[in-house]
Amino acid sequence: LRLAKEKGISTHWQLSMWLAVALPVKQ
């Protein structure tokens, strides 16, 4: 997950054991 962030995908997450989703948007 941290690697995905380093590749330009930042994360807003509230961990509750579930499903972490990181997504890039154009701008």
PDB file of all heavy atoms in Angstrom:
ATOM      1  N   LEU A   1       0.838  -1.201   0.000  1.00  0.00           N
ATOM      2  CA  LEU A   1       0.000   0.000   0.000  1.00  0.00           C
ATOM      3  C   LEU A   1       0.874   1.252   0.000  1.00  0.00           C
ATOM      4  O   LEU A   1       0.606   2.217  -0.731  1.00  0.00           O
ATOM      5  CB  LEU A   1      -0.926  -0.018   1.209  1.00  0.00           C
ATOM      6  CG  LEU A   1      -1.893   1.155   1.343  1.00  0.00           C
ATOM      7  CD1 LEU A   1      -2.806   1.239   0.135  1.00  0.00           C
ATOM      8  CD2 LEU A   1      -2.720   1.011   2.621  1.00  0.00           C
ATOM      9  N   ARG A   2       1.935   1.235   0.831  1.00  0.00           N
ATOM     10  CA  ARG A   2       2.853   2.382   0.853  1.00  0.00           C
ATOM     11  C   ARG A   2       3.544   2.547  -0.497  1.00  0.00           C
ATOM     12  O   ARG A   2       3.769   3.679  -0.959  1.00  0.00           O
ATOM     13  CB  ARG A   2       3.879   2.203   1.971  1.00  0.00           C
ATOM     14  CG  ARG A   2       3.311   2.425   3.365  1.00  0.00           C
ATOM     15  CD  ARG A   2       4.414   2.531   4.395  1.00  0.00           C
ATOM     16  NE  ARG A   2       5.098   1.271   4.575  1.00  0.00           N
ATOM     17  CZ  ARG A   2       4.772   0.353   5.484  1.00  0.00           C
ATOM     18  NH1 ARG A   2       3.748   0.566   6.283  1.00  0.00           N
ATOM     19  NH2 ARG A   2       5.454  -0.768   5.586  1.00  0.00           N
ATOM     20  N   LEU A   3       3.881   1.436  -1.140  1.00  0.00           N
ATOM     21  CA  LEU A   3       4.527   1.498  -2.455  1.00  0.00           C
ATOM     22  C   LEU A   3       3.594   2.136  -3.476  1.00  0.00           C
ATOM     23  O   LEU A   3       4.032   2.951  -4.305  1.00  0.00           O
ATOM     24  CB  LEU A   3       4.923   0.089  -2.900  1.00  0.00           C
ATOM     25  CG  LEU A   3       5.575  -0.013  -4.278  1.00  0.00           C
ATOM     26  CD1 LEU A   3       6.900   0.747  -4.306  1.00  0.00           C
ATOM     27  CD2 LEU A   3       5.799  -1.481  -4.652  1.00  0.00           C
ATOM     28  N   ALA A   4       2.317   1.781  -3.414  1.00  0.00           N
ATOM     29  CA  ALA A   4       1.341   2.384  -4.329  1.00  0.00           C
ATOM     30  C   ALA A   4       1.290   3.891  -4.122  1.00  0.00           C
ATOM     31  O   ALA A   4       1.195   4.665  -5.075  1.00  0.00           O
ATOM     32  CB  ALA A   4      -0.032   1.759  -4.117  1.00  0.00           C
ATOM     33  N   LYS A   5       1.366   4.315  -2.878  1.00  0.00           N
ATOM     34  CA  LYS A   5       1.375   5.752  -2.579  1.00  0.00           C
ATOM     35  C   LYS A   5       2.623   6.417  -3.150  1.00  0.00           C
ATOM     36  O   LYS A   5       2.566   7.512  -3.708  1.00  0.00           O
ATOM     37  CB  LYS A   5       1.310   5.964  -1.069  1.00  0.00           C
ATOM     38  CG  LYS A   5      -0.018   5.568  -0.443  1.00  0.00           C
ATOM     39  CD  LYS A   5       0.037   5.565   1.068  1.00  0.00           C
ATOM     40  CE  LYS A   5       0.312   6.949   1.618  1.00  0.00           C
ATOM     41  NZ  LYS A   5       0.294   6.958   3.109  1.00  0.00           N
ATOM     42  N   GLU A   6       3.763   5.725  -3.007  1.00  0.00           N
ATOM     43  CA  GLU A   6       5.015   6.284  -3.530  1.00  0.00           C
ATOM     44  C   GLU A   6       4.986   6.437  -5.042  1.00  0.00           C
ATOM     45  O   GLU A   6       5.691   7.277  -5.600  1.00  0.00           O
ATOM     46  CB  GLU A   6       6.185   5.394  -3.113  1.00  0.00           C
ATOM     47  CG  GLU A   6       6.469   5.417  -1.614  1.00  0.00           C
ATOM     48  CD  GLU A   6       7.463   4.356  -1.202  1.00  0.00           C
ATOM     49  OE1 GLU A   6       7.988   3.665  -2.106  1.00  0.00           O
ATOM     50  OE2 GLU A   6       7.708   4.208   0.015  1.00  0.00           O
ATOM     51  N   LYS A   7       4.176   5.631  -5.691  1.00  0.00           N
ATOM     52  CA  LYS A   7       4.054   5.713  -7.146  1.00  0.00           C
ATOM     53  C   LYS A   7       3.053   6.779  -7.570  1.00  0.00           C
ATOM     54  O   LYS A   7       2.642   6.830  -8.718  1.00  0.00           O
ATOM     55  CB  LYS A   7       3.662   4.345  -7.722  1.00  0.00           C
ATOM     56  CG  LYS A   7       4.770   3.303  -7.645  1.00  0.00           C
ATOM     57  CD  LYS A   7       4.302   1.992  -8.243  1.00  0.00           C
ATOM     58  CE  LYS A   7       5.438   0.980  -8.279  1.00  0.00           C
ATOM     59  NZ  LYS A   7       6.498   1.351  -9.242  1.00  0.00           N
ATOM     60  N   GLY A   8       2.656   7.626  -6.608  1.00  0.00           N
ATOM     61  CA  GLY A   8       1.789   8.736  -6.940  1.00  0.00           C
ATOM     62  C   GLY A   8       0.346   8.544  -6.552  1.00  0.00           C
ATOM     63  O   GLY A   8      -0.517   9.302  -6.984  1.00  0.00           O
ATOM     64  N   ILE A   9       0.078   7.526  -5.753  1.00  0.00           N
ATOM     65  CA  ILE A   9      -1.288   7.266  -5.331  1.00  0.00           C
ATOM     66  C   ILE A   9      -1.375   7.522  -3.829  1.00  0.00           C
ATOM     67  O   ILE A   9      -0.903   6.741  -3.027  1.00  0.00           O
ATOM     68  CB  ILE A   9      -1.702   5.811  -5.637  1.00  0.00           C
ATOM     69  CG1 ILE A   9      -1.466   5.485  -7.111  1.00  0.00           C
ATOM     70  CG2 ILE A   9      -3.158   5.582  -5.273  1.00  0.00           C
ATOM     71  CD1 ILE A   9      -1.664   4.033  -7.458  1.00  0.00           C
ATOM     72  N   SER A  10      -1.958   8.636  -3.447  1.00  0.00           N
ATOM     73  CA  SER A  10      -2.086   8.938  -2.024  1.00  0.00           C
ATOM     74  C   SER A  10      -3.309   8.228  -1.472  1.00  0.00           C
ATOM     75  O   SER A  10      -4.209   7.849  -2.211  1.00  0.00           O
ATOM     76  CB  SER A  10      -2.200  10.448  -1.787  1.00  0.00           C
ATOM     77  OG  SER A  10      -3.356  10.950  -2.425  1.00  0.00           O
ATOM     78  N   THR A  11      -3.361   8.062  -0.146  1.00  0.00           N
ATOM     79  CA  THR A  11      -4.462   7.307   0.440  1.00  0.00           C
ATOM     80  C   THR A  11      -5.123   8.064   1.572  1.00  0.00           C
ATOM     81  O   THR A  11      -4.475   8.687   2.393  1.00  0.00           O
ATOM     82  CB  THR A  11      -3.984   5.947   0.984  1.00  0.00           C
ATOM     83  OG1 THR A  11      -2.967   6.165   1.949  1.00  0.00           O
ATOM     84  CG2 THR A  11      -3.477   5.077  -0.133  1.00  0.00           C
ATOM     85  N   HIS A  12      -6.424   8.004   1.572  1.00  0.00           N
ATOM     86  CA  HIS A  12      -7.225   8.436   2.723  1.00  0.00           C
ATOM     87  C   HIS A  12      -7.902   7.180   3.222  1.00  0.00           C
ATOM     88  O   HIS A  12      -8.706   6.585   2.514  1.00  0.00           O
ATOM     89  CB  HIS A  12      -8.283   9.458   2.304  1.00  0.00           C
ATOM     90  CG  HIS A  12      -9.365   9.627   3.321  1.00  0.00           C
ATOM     91  ND1 HIS A  12      -9.152  10.219   4.525  1.00  0.00           N
ATOM     92  CD2 HIS A  12     -10.664   9.248   3.298  1.00  0.00           C
ATOM     93  CE1 HIS A  12     -10.275  10.214   5.212  1.00  0.00           C
ATOM     94  NE2 HIS A  12     -11.210   9.621   4.485  1.00  0.00           N
ATOM     95  N   TRP A  13      -7.518   6.742   4.431  1.00  0.00           N
ATOM     96  CA  TRP A  13      -8.075   5.465   4.861  1.00  0.00           C
ATOM     97  C   TRP A  13      -8.445   5.477   6.319  1.00  0.00           C
ATOM     98  O   TRP A  13      -7.865   6.171   7.123  1.00  0.00           O
ATOM     99  CB  TRP A  13      -7.129   4.316   4.529  1.00  0.00           C
ATOM    100  CG  TRP A  13      -5.825   4.293   5.271  1.00  0.00           C
ATOM    101  CD1 TRP A  13      -5.060   5.337   5.682  1.00  0.00           C
ATOM    102  CD2 TRP A  13      -5.129   3.119   5.680  1.00  0.00           C
ATOM    103  NE1 TRP A  13      -3.939   4.888   6.299  1.00  0.00           N
ATOM    104  CE2 TRP A  13      -3.950   3.535   6.317  1.00  0.00           C
ATOM    105  CE3 TRP A  13      -5.393   1.751   5.561  1.00  0.00           C
ATOM    106  CZ2 TRP A  13      -3.033   2.645   6.846  1.00  0.00           C
ATOM    107  CZ3 TRP A  13      -4.473   0.869   6.073  1.00  0.00           C
ATOM    108  CH2 TRP A  13      -3.312   1.310   6.705  1.00  0.00           C
ATOM    109  N   GLN A  14      -9.475   4.696   6.631  1.00  0.00           N
ATOM    110  CA  GLN A  14      -9.919   4.508   8.001  1.00  0.00           C
ATOM    111  C   GLN A  14      -9.983   3.010   8.220  1.00  0.00           C
ATOM    112  O   GLN A  14     -10.964   2.360   7.901  1.00  0.00           O
ATOM    113  CB  GLN A  14     -11.278   5.170   8.235  1.00  0.00           C
ATOM    114  CG  GLN A  14     -12.266   4.938   7.119  1.00  0.00           C
ATOM    115  CD  GLN A  14     -13.514   5.733   7.320  1.00  0.00           C
ATOM    116  OE1 GLN A  14     -13.509   6.766   7.970  1.00  0.00           O
ATOM    117  NE2 GLN A  14     -14.596   5.233   6.759  1.00  0.00           N
ATOM    118  N   LEU A  15      -8.887   2.464   8.723  1.00  0.00           N
ATOM    119  CA  LEU A  15      -8.718   1.021   8.759  1.00  0.00           C
ATOM    120  C   LEU A  15      -9.712   0.359   9.689  1.00  0.00           C
ATOM    121  O   LEU A  15      -9.833   0.717  10.836  1.00  0.00           O
ATOM    122  CB  LEU A  15      -7.305   0.676   9.205  1.00  0.00           C
ATOM    123  CG  LEU A  15      -6.952  -0.815   9.150  1.00  0.00           C
ATOM    124  CD1 LEU A  15      -7.117  -1.341   7.751  1.00  0.00           C
ATOM    125  CD2 LEU A  15      -5.553  -1.036   9.634  1.00  0.00           C
ATOM    126  N   SER A  16     -10.425  -0.604   9.182  1.00  0.00           N
ATOM    127  CA  SER A  16     -11.320  -1.400  10.014  1.00  0.00           C
ATOM    128  C   SER A  16     -11.359  -2.837   9.507  1.00  0.00           C
ATOM    129  O   SER A  16     -12.404  -3.432   9.384  1.00  0.00           O
ATOM    130  CB  SER A  16     -12.718  -0.796  10.042  1.00  0.00           C
ATOM    131  OG  SER A  16     -13.165  -0.494   8.748  1.00  0.00           O
ATOM    132  N   MET A  17     -10.177  -3.320   9.160  1.00  0.00           N
ATOM    133  CA  MET A  17      -9.980  -4.702   8.769  1.00  0.00           C
ATOM    134  C   MET A  17     -10.418  -4.982   7.342  1.00  0.00           C
ATOM    135  O   MET A  17     -10.295  -6.070   6.849  1.00  0.00           O
ATOM    136  CB  MET A  17     -10.744  -5.645   9.716  1.00  0.00           C
ATOM    137  CG  MET A  17     -10.561  -7.121   9.418  1.00  0.00           C
ATOM    138  SD  MET A  17     -11.810  -8.079  10.217  1.00  0.00           S
ATOM    139  CE  MET A  17     -13.162  -7.848   9.113  1.00  0.00           C
ATOM    140  N   TRP A  18     -10.857  -3.964   6.674  1.00  0.00           N
ATOM    141  CA  TRP A  18     -11.635  -4.245   5.488  1.00  0.00           C
ATOM    142  C   TRP A  18     -10.832  -4.184   4.199  1.00  0.00           C
ATOM    143  O   TRP A  18      -9.853  -4.882   4.039  1.00  0.00           O
ATOM    144  CB  TRP A  18     -12.847  -3.330   5.463  1.00  0.00           C
ATOM    145  CG  TRP A  18     -13.363  -3.108   6.844  1.00  0.00           C
ATOM    146  CD1 TRP A  18     -13.363  -1.955   7.549  1.00  0.00           C
ATOM    147  CD2 TRP A  18     -13.914  -4.083   7.734  1.00  0.00           C
ATOM    148  NE1 TRP A  18     -13.879  -2.141   8.791  1.00  0.00           N
ATOM    149  CE2 TRP A  18     -14.231  -3.427   8.933  1.00  0.00           C
ATOM    150  CE3 TRP A  18     -14.161  -5.444   7.635  1.00  0.00           C
ATOM    151  CZ2 TRP A  18     -14.791  -4.081  10.004  1.00  0.00           C
ATOM    152  CZ3 TRP A  18     -14.727  -6.088   8.703  1.00  0.00           C
ATOM    153  CH2 TRP A  18     -15.036  -5.409   9.859  1.00  0.00           C
ATOM    154  N   LEU A  19     -11.240  -3.324   3.287  1.00  0.00           N
ATOM    155  CA  LEU A  19     -10.704  -3.362   1.940  1.00  0.00           C
ATOM    156  C   LEU A  19     -10.099  -2.014   1.612  1.00  0.00           C
ATOM    157  O   LEU A  19     -10.820  -1.048   1.462  1.00  0.00           O
ATOM    158  CB  LEU A  19     -11.847  -3.698   0.969  1.00  0.00           C
ATOM    159  CG  LEU A  19     -11.526  -4.058  -0.457  1.00  0.00           C
ATOM    160  CD1 LEU A  19     -10.726  -5.335  -0.505  1.00  0.00           C
ATOM    161  CD2 LEU A  19     -12.810  -4.230  -1.243  1.00  0.00           C
ATOM    162  N   ALA A  20      -8.764  -1.937   1.522  1.00  0.00           N
ATOM    163  CA  ALA A  20      -8.112  -0.662   1.260  1.00  0.00           C
ATOM    164  C   ALA A  20      -8.058  -0.414  -0.238  1.00  0.00           C
ATOM    165  O   ALA A  20      -7.630  -1.258  -1.002  1.00  0.00           O
ATOM    166  CB  ALA A  20      -6.699  -0.675   1.822  1.00  0.00           C
ATOM    167  N   VAL A  21      -8.499   0.750  -0.663  1.00  0.00           N
ATOM    168  CA  VAL A  21      -8.549   1.073  -2.085  1.00  0.00           C
ATOM    169  C   VAL A  21      -7.793   2.358  -2.326  1.00  0.00           C
ATOM    170  O   VAL A  21      -8.089   3.376  -1.720  1.00  0.00           O
ATOM    171  CB  VAL A  21     -10.011   1.243  -2.558  1.00  0.00           C
ATOM    172  CG1 VAL A  21     -10.036   1.609  -4.016  1.00  0.00           C
ATOM    173  CG2 VAL A  21     -10.785  -0.032  -2.316  1.00  0.00           C
ATOM    174  N   ALA A  22      -6.801   2.321  -3.206  1.00  0.00           N
ATOM    175  CA  ALA A  22      -6.072   3.528  -3.566  1.00  0.00           C
ATOM    176  C   ALA A  22      -6.294   3.785  -5.044  1.00  0.00           C
ATOM    177  O   ALA A  22      -6.160   2.898  -5.866  1.00  0.00           O
ATOM    178  CB  ALA A  22      -4.582   3.340  -3.300  1.00  0.00           C
ATOM    179  N   LEU A  23      -6.666   5.004  -5.401  1.00  0.00           N
ATOM    180  CA  LEU A  23      -6.949   5.269  -6.800  1.00  0.00           C
ATOM    181  C   LEU A  23      -6.358   6.595  -7.251  1.00  0.00           C
ATOM    182  O   LEU A  23      -6.383   7.575  -6.534  1.00  0.00           O
ATOM    183  CB  LEU A  23      -8.453   5.300  -7.075  1.00  0.00           C
ATOM    184  CG  LEU A  23      -9.264   6.352  -6.325  1.00  0.00           C
ATOM    185  CD1 LEU A  23     -10.317   6.908  -7.251  1.00  0.00           C
ATOM    186  CD2 LEU A  23      -9.906   5.722  -5.117  1.00  0.00           C
ATOM    187  N   PRO A  24      -5.766   6.614  -8.468  1.00  0.00           N
ATOM    188  CA  PRO A  24      -5.242   7.853  -9.009  1.00  0.00           C
ATOM    189  C   PRO A  24      -6.311   8.586  -9.813  1.00  0.00           C
ATOM    190  O   PRO A  24      -7.134   7.970 -10.470  1.00  0.00           O
ATOM    191  CB  PRO A  24      -4.120   7.374  -9.919  1.00  0.00           C
ATOM    192  CG  PRO A  24      -4.562   6.026 -10.374  1.00  0.00           C
ATOM    193  CD  PRO A  24      -5.429   5.453  -9.286  1.00  0.00           C
ATOM    194  N   VAL A  25      -6.293   9.907  -9.746  1.00  0.00           N
ATOM    195  CA  VAL A  25      -7.177  10.739 -10.546  1.00  0.00           C
ATOM    196  C   VAL A  25      -6.287  11.665 -11.370  1.00  0.00           C
ATOM    197  O   VAL A  25      -5.204  12.030 -10.935  1.00  0.00           O
ATOM    198  CB  VAL A  25      -8.129  11.544  -9.639  1.00  0.00           C
ATOM    199  CG1 VAL A  25      -9.133  12.296 -10.475  1.00  0.00           C
ATOM    200  CG2 VAL A  25      -8.854  10.603  -8.688  1.00  0.00           C
ATOM    201  N   LYS A  26      -6.723  12.062 -12.547  1.00  0.00           N
ATOM    202  CA  LYS A  26      -5.870  12.791 -13.494  1.00  0.00           C
ATOM    203  C   LYS A  26      -5.190  14.001 -12.876  1.00  0.00           C
ATOM    204  O   LYS A  26      -3.974  14.125 -12.892  1.00  0.00           O
ATOM    205  CB  LYS A  26      -6.693  13.217 -14.708  1.00  0.00           C
ATOM    206  CG  LYS A  26      -7.115  12.032 -15.603  1.00  0.00           C
ATOM    207  CD  LYS A  26      -7.880  12.528 -16.808  1.00  0.00           C
ATOM    208  CE  LYS A  26      -8.313  11.372 -17.705  1.00  0.00           C
ATOM    209  NZ  LYS A  26      -9.086  11.840 -18.864  1.00  0.00           N
ATOM    210  N   GLN A  27      -5.942  14.926 -12.306  1.00  0.00           N
ATOM    211  CA  GLN A  27      -5.356  16.156 -11.794  1.00  0.00           C
ATOM    212  C   GLN A  27      -4.976  16.036 -10.319  1.00  0.00           C
ATOM    213  O   GLN A  27      -3.873  16.324  -9.931  1.00  0.00           O
ATOM    214  CB  GLN A  27      -6.336  17.321 -12.002  1.00  0.00           C
ATOM    215  CG  GLN A  27      -6.672  17.584 -13.459  1.00  0.00           C
ATOM    216  CD  GLN A  27      -5.454  18.024 -14.244  1.00  0.00           C
ATOM    217  OE1 GLN A  27      -4.577  18.693 -13.717  1.00  0.00           O
ATOM    218  NE2 GLN A  27      -5.398  17.635 -15.513  1.00  0.00           N
TER     219      GLN A  27
END
